[in-house]
Amino acid sequence: QVQLVESGGGLVQPGGSLRLSCATSKLAFEMYAMSWYRQAPGKERELVATESSGNTNYADSVKGRFTISRDNAQRTLYLQMNSLKPEDTAVYYCNARFTTSYSKTYNYWGQGTQVTVSS
């Protein structure tokens, strides 16, 4: 059974930093596009950052502050978050997605990790 397990969340003051990790198992990790999403209370889940085949994309709200990276040997995804703001407060989710050549999509989610930015 595929598992994605996030860690590294917590309470941090504005301007602080956190590093999230997403450890995966039973997943052909290197084949998957890996992403971080977040969901704040009362809001829809939104895409934060994606890494696929060396290419990265970020939401405008986190550009220049967050960095997504992956270690294929360790099958782990990371999100380095700097200059955190209160509006970054949310549950952060790891996502793995792969679409085969015949258009079958495999899509997996982690359970989420809470990030709270507050003084």
N, C-alpha and C. Protein backbone atom coordinates (compact mmCIF):
# COMPACT_ATOMS: atom_id res chain seq x y z
N GLN A 1 0.85 -1.19 0.00
CA GLN A 1 0.00 0.00 0.00
C GLN A 1 0.88 1.25 0.00
N VAL A 2 0.61 2.16 -0.92
CA VAL A 2 1.39 3.39 -1.01
C VAL A 2 1.12 4.25 0.22
N GLN A 3 2.19 4.82 0.77
CA GLN A 3 2.05 5.73 1.91
C GLN A 3 2.86 6.99 1.67
N LEU A 4 2.26 8.11 2.04
CA LEU A 4 2.93 9.40 2.06
C LEU A 4 2.76 9.94 3.47
N VAL A 5 3.87 10.24 4.14
CA VAL A 5 3.81 10.68 5.53
C VAL A 5 4.55 12.00 5.67
N GLU A 6 3.78 13.06 5.98
CA GLU A 6 4.38 14.37 6.17
C GLU A 6 4.86 14.56 7.59
N SER A 7 5.86 15.40 7.75
CA SER A 7 6.35 15.77 9.07
C SER A 7 7.01 17.14 8.96
N GLY A 8 7.29 17.73 10.12
CA GLY A 8 8.00 19.00 10.16
C GLY A 8 7.16 20.21 10.43
N GLY A 9 5.85 20.02 10.52
CA GLY A 9 4.99 21.15 10.82
C GLY A 9 5.13 21.58 12.27
N GLY A 10 4.49 22.70 12.59
CA GLY A 10 4.53 23.19 13.97
C GLY A 10 4.15 24.64 14.05
N LEU A 11 4.44 25.22 15.20
CA LEU A 11 4.14 26.62 15.47
C LEU A 11 5.43 27.43 15.29
N VAL A 12 5.35 28.50 14.52
CA VAL A 12 6.52 29.34 14.26
C VAL A 12 6.09 30.79 14.25
N GLN A 13 6.97 31.67 14.64
CA GLN A 13 6.67 33.09 14.63
C GLN A 13 6.78 33.65 13.22
N PRO A 14 6.07 34.73 12.94
CA PRO A 14 6.21 35.38 11.64
C PRO A 14 7.67 35.71 11.35
N GLY A 15 8.07 35.45 10.10
CA GLY A 15 9.46 35.64 9.71
C GLY A 15 10.32 34.42 9.91
N GLY A 16 9.80 33.41 10.57
CA GLY A 16 10.55 32.20 10.84
C GLY A 16 10.55 31.22 9.67
N SER A 17 11.16 30.09 9.92
CA SER A 17 11.31 29.07 8.87
C SER A 17 10.89 27.70 9.39
N LEU A 18 10.44 26.88 8.47
CA LEU A 18 10.16 25.47 8.74
C LEU A 18 10.55 24.66 7.51
N ARG A 19 10.89 23.40 7.73
CA ARG A 19 11.15 22.50 6.62
C ARG A 19 10.23 21.29 6.76
N LEU A 20 9.36 21.13 5.79
CA LEU A 20 8.47 19.98 5.77
C LEU A 20 9.11 18.84 4.98
N SER A 21 8.81 17.63 5.42
CA SER A 21 9.26 16.43 4.71
C SER A 21 8.06 15.55 4.40
N CYS A 22 8.16 14.82 3.31
CA CYS A 22 7.15 13.84 2.93
C CYS A 22 7.87 12.56 2.57
N ALA A 23 7.83 11.60 3.46
CA ALA A 23 8.46 10.31 3.22
C ALA A 23 7.46 9.39 2.54
N THR A 24 7.90 8.73 1.48
CA THR A 24 7.00 7.86 0.74
C THR A 24 7.47 6.42 0.81
N SER A 25 6.53 5.51 0.62
CA SER A 25 6.87 4.09 0.56
C SER A 25 5.96 3.40 -0.45
N LYS A 26 6.51 2.32 -1.01
CA LYS A 26 5.79 1.54 -2.01
C LYS A 26 5.34 2.41 -3.17
N LEU A 27 6.21 3.32 -3.60
CA LEU A 27 5.91 4.25 -4.67
C LEU A 27 7.13 4.34 -5.58
N ALA A 28 6.91 4.26 -6.89
CA ALA A 28 8.00 4.49 -7.85
C ALA A 28 8.26 5.98 -7.89
N PHE A 29 8.87 6.46 -6.82
CA PHE A 29 8.93 7.89 -6.50
C PHE A 29 9.43 8.73 -7.67
N GLU A 30 10.48 8.26 -8.31
CA GLU A 30 11.11 9.09 -9.35
C GLU A 30 10.20 9.30 -10.55
N MET A 31 9.17 8.51 -10.68
CA MET A 31 8.27 8.64 -11.82
C MET A 31 7.17 9.66 -11.59
N TYR A 32 6.98 10.03 -10.33
CA TYR A 32 5.83 10.84 -9.95
C TYR A 32 6.16 12.33 -9.91
N ALA A 33 5.20 13.13 -10.36
CA ALA A 33 5.21 14.56 -10.08
C ALA A 33 4.81 14.72 -8.62
N MET A 34 5.62 15.46 -7.87
CA MET A 34 5.37 15.62 -6.44
C MET A 34 5.00 17.06 -6.14
N SER A 35 4.01 17.22 -5.29
CA SER A 35 3.51 18.56 -5.00
C SER A 35 3.22 18.73 -3.52
N TRP A 36 3.20 19.97 -3.12
CA TRP A 36 2.69 20.37 -1.81
C TRP A 36 1.45 21.21 -2.04
N TYR A 37 0.40 20.88 -1.29
CA TYR A 37 -0.83 21.66 -1.25
C TYR A 37 -1.02 22.13 0.19
N ARG A 38 -1.91 23.10 0.36
CA ARG A 38 -2.28 23.52 1.70
C ARG A 38 -3.75 23.88 1.73
N GLN A 39 -4.31 23.77 2.92
CA GLN A 39 -5.72 24.12 3.12
C GLN A 39 -5.85 24.84 4.45
N ALA A 40 -6.27 26.09 4.35
CA ALA A 40 -6.52 26.90 5.54
C ALA A 40 -7.97 26.72 5.96
N PRO A 41 -8.28 26.98 7.22
CA PRO A 41 -9.66 26.83 7.70
C PRO A 41 -10.64 27.64 6.86
N GLY A 42 -11.70 27.00 6.41
CA GLY A 42 -12.73 27.68 5.64
C GLY A 42 -12.36 27.97 4.21
N LYS A 43 -11.21 27.47 3.77
CA LYS A 43 -10.78 27.72 2.39
C LYS A 43 -10.57 26.40 1.65
N GLU A 44 -10.53 26.50 0.32
CA GLU A 44 -10.28 25.32 -0.49
C GLU A 44 -8.79 24.98 -0.47
N ARG A 45 -8.52 23.73 -0.75
CA ARG A 45 -7.13 23.28 -0.85
C ARG A 45 -6.50 23.96 -2.06
N GLU A 46 -5.28 24.45 -1.89
CA GLU A 46 -4.61 25.14 -2.98
C GLU A 46 -3.22 24.56 -3.20
N LEU A 47 -2.79 24.61 -4.46
CA LEU A 47 -1.46 24.13 -4.82
C LEU A 47 -0.41 25.15 -4.39
N VAL A 48 0.61 24.65 -3.70
CA VAL A 48 1.69 25.51 -3.23
C VAL A 48 2.90 25.42 -4.16
N ALA A 49 3.32 24.19 -4.46
CA ALA A 49 4.51 24.00 -5.27
C ALA A 49 4.51 22.60 -5.86
N THR A 50 5.13 22.48 -7.04
CA THR A 50 5.24 21.19 -7.73
C THR A 50 6.66 21.00 -8.24
N GLU A 51 7.12 19.75 -8.14
CA GLU A 51 8.41 19.38 -8.73
C GLU A 51 8.20 18.16 -9.61
N SER A 52 8.62 18.30 -10.88
CA SER A 52 8.46 17.19 -11.81
C SER A 52 9.62 17.20 -12.79
N SER A 53 10.38 16.14 -12.80
CA SER A 53 11.51 15.98 -13.73
C SER A 53 12.44 17.17 -13.69
N GLY A 54 12.68 17.69 -12.51
CA GLY A 54 13.61 18.80 -12.36
C GLY A 54 13.00 20.17 -12.54
N ASN A 55 11.74 20.20 -12.95
CA ASN A 55 11.06 21.49 -13.12
C ASN A 55 10.22 21.79 -11.89
N THR A 56 10.25 23.05 -11.48
CA THR A 56 9.48 23.47 -10.31
C THR A 56 8.54 24.61 -10.67
N ASN A 57 7.41 24.62 -9.97
CA ASN A 57 6.44 25.70 -10.11
C ASN A 57 5.91 26.05 -8.73
N TYR A 58 5.63 27.33 -8.55
CA TYR A 58 5.18 27.81 -7.25
C TYR A 58 3.95 28.70 -7.39
N ALA A 59 3.13 28.68 -6.38
CA ALA A 59 2.06 29.66 -6.29
C ALA A 59 2.68 31.04 -6.12
N ASP A 60 2.05 32.04 -6.66
CA ASP A 60 2.59 33.40 -6.58
C ASP A 60 2.79 33.83 -5.13
N SER A 61 1.93 33.36 -4.26
CA SER A 61 1.97 33.79 -2.86
C SER A 61 3.20 33.28 -2.12
N VAL A 62 3.89 32.27 -2.65
CA VAL A 62 5.05 31.72 -1.95
C VAL A 62 6.35 31.87 -2.72
N LYS A 63 6.28 32.38 -3.93
CA LYS A 63 7.50 32.53 -4.74
C LYS A 63 8.54 33.38 -4.01
N GLY A 64 9.77 32.89 -4.05
CA GLY A 64 10.85 33.60 -3.39
C GLY A 64 10.99 33.30 -1.92
N ARG A 65 10.01 32.61 -1.35
CA ARG A 65 10.05 32.28 0.08
C ARG A 65 10.13 30.77 0.32
N PHE A 66 9.47 30.00 -0.53
CA PHE A 66 9.41 28.54 -0.38
C PHE A 66 10.25 27.88 -1.47
N THR A 67 10.84 26.74 -1.13
CA THR A 67 11.60 25.96 -2.09
C THR A 67 11.22 24.49 -1.97
N ILE A 68 10.79 23.91 -3.09
CA ILE A 68 10.46 22.49 -3.12
C ILE A 68 11.66 21.73 -3.65
N SER A 69 11.91 20.56 -3.07
CA SER A 69 13.00 19.73 -3.55
C SER A 69 12.67 18.27 -3.25
N ARG A 70 13.42 17.38 -3.88
CA ARG A 70 13.17 15.96 -3.69
C ARG A 70 14.48 15.20 -3.67
N ASP A 71 14.47 14.11 -2.96
CA ASP A 71 15.61 13.19 -2.91
C ASP A 71 15.09 11.85 -3.41
N ASN A 72 15.39 11.53 -4.65
CA ASN A 72 14.84 10.30 -5.23
C ASN A 72 15.40 9.06 -4.55
N ALA A 73 16.65 9.12 -4.10
CA ALA A 73 17.23 7.96 -3.43
C ALA A 73 16.53 7.67 -2.11
N GLN A 74 16.14 8.73 -1.41
CA GLN A 74 15.44 8.57 -0.13
C GLN A 74 13.92 8.56 -0.30
N ARG A 75 13.47 8.77 -1.55
CA ARG A 75 12.02 8.79 -1.83
C ARG A 75 11.31 9.80 -0.93
N THR A 76 11.90 10.95 -0.80
CA THR A 76 11.38 11.97 0.10
C THR A 76 11.27 13.31 -0.61
N LEU A 77 10.20 14.00 -0.31
CA LEU A 77 9.93 15.34 -0.83
C LEU A 77 10.08 16.34 0.31
N TYR A 78 10.57 17.52 -0.01
CA TYR A 78 10.77 18.56 0.99
C TYR A 78 10.12 19.87 0.57
N LEU A 79 9.85 20.68 1.57
CA LEU A 79 9.41 22.05 1.33
C LEU A 79 10.08 22.92 2.38
N GLN A 80 11.04 23.73 1.93
CA GLN A 80 11.69 24.70 2.79
C GLN A 80 10.88 25.98 2.75
N MET A 81 10.40 26.40 3.91
CA MET A 81 9.56 27.58 4.00
C MET A 81 10.27 28.64 4.82
N ASN A 82 10.56 29.76 4.19
CA ASN A 82 11.23 30.88 4.87
C ASN A 82 10.32 32.10 4.89
N SER A 83 10.67 33.04 5.73
CA SER A 83 9.91 34.30 5.82
C SER A 83 8.42 34.02 5.95
N LEU A 84 8.08 33.14 6.85
CA LEU A 84 6.69 32.72 7.00
C LEU A 84 5.81 33.86 7.48
N LYS A 85 4.57 33.84 6.98
CA LYS A 85 3.58 34.85 7.30
C LYS A 85 2.38 34.19 7.96
N PRO A 86 1.60 34.94 8.71
CA PRO A 86 0.38 34.34 9.31
C PRO A 86 -0.53 33.71 8.26
N GLU A 87 -0.58 34.28 7.08
CA GLU A 87 -1.45 33.73 6.02
C GLU A 87 -0.94 32.41 5.46
N ASP A 88 0.25 31.98 5.86
CA ASP A 88 0.74 30.65 5.48
C ASP A 88 0.18 29.56 6.39
N THR A 89 -0.52 29.96 7.43
CA THR A 89 -1.10 28.99 8.35
C THR A 89 -2.10 28.10 7.63
N ALA A 90 -1.88 26.79 7.71
CA ALA A 90 -2.72 25.83 7.01
C ALA A 90 -2.25 24.42 7.35
N VAL A 91 -3.04 23.46 6.93
CA VAL A 91 -2.58 22.07 6.90
C VAL A 91 -1.92 21.86 5.54
N TYR A 92 -0.70 21.35 5.56
CA TYR A 92 0.06 21.13 4.33
C TYR A 92 0.04 19.66 3.98
N TYR A 93 -0.29 19.39 2.72
CA TYR A 93 -0.43 18.02 2.24
C TYR A 93 0.58 17.74 1.13
N CYS A 94 1.10 16.54 1.17
CA CYS A 94 1.97 16.03 0.12
C CYS A 94 1.12 15.27 -0.90
N ASN A 95 1.45 15.44 -2.17
CA ASN A 95 0.70 14.77 -3.24
C ASN A 95 1.67 14.14 -4.24
N ALA A 96 1.34 12.93 -4.66
CA ALA A 96 2.10 12.25 -5.71
C ALA A 96 1.15 11.93 -6.85
N ARG A 97 1.58 12.25 -8.06
CA ARG A 97 0.68 12.06 -9.21
C ARG A 97 1.49 11.56 -10.40
N PHE A 98 0.93 10.55 -11.07
CA PHE A 98 1.57 9.99 -12.26
C PHE A 98 0.51 9.57 -13.24
N THR A 99 0.67 9.96 -14.48
CA THR A 99 -0.26 9.57 -15.54
C THR A 99 0.49 8.71 -16.55
N THR A 100 -0.05 7.52 -16.81
CA THR A 100 0.61 6.61 -17.73
C THR A 100 0.40 7.04 -19.18
N SER A 101 1.09 6.37 -20.08
CA SER A 101 0.99 6.70 -21.50
C SER A 101 -0.41 6.40 -22.04
N TYR A 102 -1.15 5.56 -21.32
CA TYR A 102 -2.54 5.29 -21.74
C TYR A 102 -3.55 6.01 -20.86
N SER A 103 -3.09 7.10 -20.25
CA SER A 103 -3.96 8.05 -19.56
C SER A 103 -4.59 7.56 -18.26
N LYS A 104 -4.00 6.54 -17.66
CA LYS A 104 -4.44 6.16 -16.32
C LYS A 104 -3.65 6.99 -15.31
N THR A 105 -4.35 7.60 -14.36
CA THR A 105 -3.71 8.48 -13.39
C THR A 105 -3.69 7.83 -12.02
N TYR A 106 -2.51 7.88 -11.42
CA TYR A 106 -2.34 7.44 -10.04
C TYR A 106 -2.13 8.70 -9.20
N ASN A 107 -2.91 8.84 -8.15
CA ASN A 107 -2.90 10.08 -7.37
C ASN A 107 -3.00 9.71 -5.89
N TYR A 108 -2.00 10.12 -5.12
CA TYR A 108 -1.94 9.76 -3.70
C TYR A 108 -1.73 11.01 -2.85
N TRP A 109 -2.29 10.95 -1.62
CA TRP A 109 -2.19 12.06 -0.67
C TRP A 109 -1.65 11.57 0.67
N GLY A 110 -0.95 12.47 1.33
CA GLY A 110 -0.58 12.24 2.70
C GLY A 110 -1.69 12.70 3.63
N GLN A 111 -1.46 12.54 4.93
CA GLN A 111 -2.49 12.87 5.92
C GLN A 111 -2.44 14.33 6.34
N GLY A 112 -1.37 15.03 5.99
CA GLY A 112 -1.25 16.45 6.29
C GLY A 112 -0.46 16.73 7.55
N THR A 113 0.13 17.92 7.59
CA THR A 113 0.84 18.39 8.77
C THR A 113 0.48 19.86 8.98
N GLN A 114 0.20 20.20 10.22
CA GLN A 114 -0.27 21.55 10.54
C GLN A 114 0.91 22.52 10.64
N VAL A 115 0.77 23.64 9.96
CA VAL A 115 1.72 24.75 10.09
C VAL A 115 0.96 25.96 10.61
N THR A 116 1.41 26.50 11.72
CA THR A 116 0.77 27.67 12.31
C THR A 116 1.81 28.76 12.47
N VAL A 117 1.53 29.91 11.88
CA VAL A 117 2.43 31.05 11.95
C VAL A 117 1.75 32.12 12.80
N SER A 118 2.30 32.33 13.97
CA SER A 118 1.66 33.25 14.91
C SER A 118 2.68 33.73 15.93
N SER A 119 2.47 34.95 16.38
CA SER A 119 3.33 35.47 17.44
C SER A 119 2.68 35.25 18.81
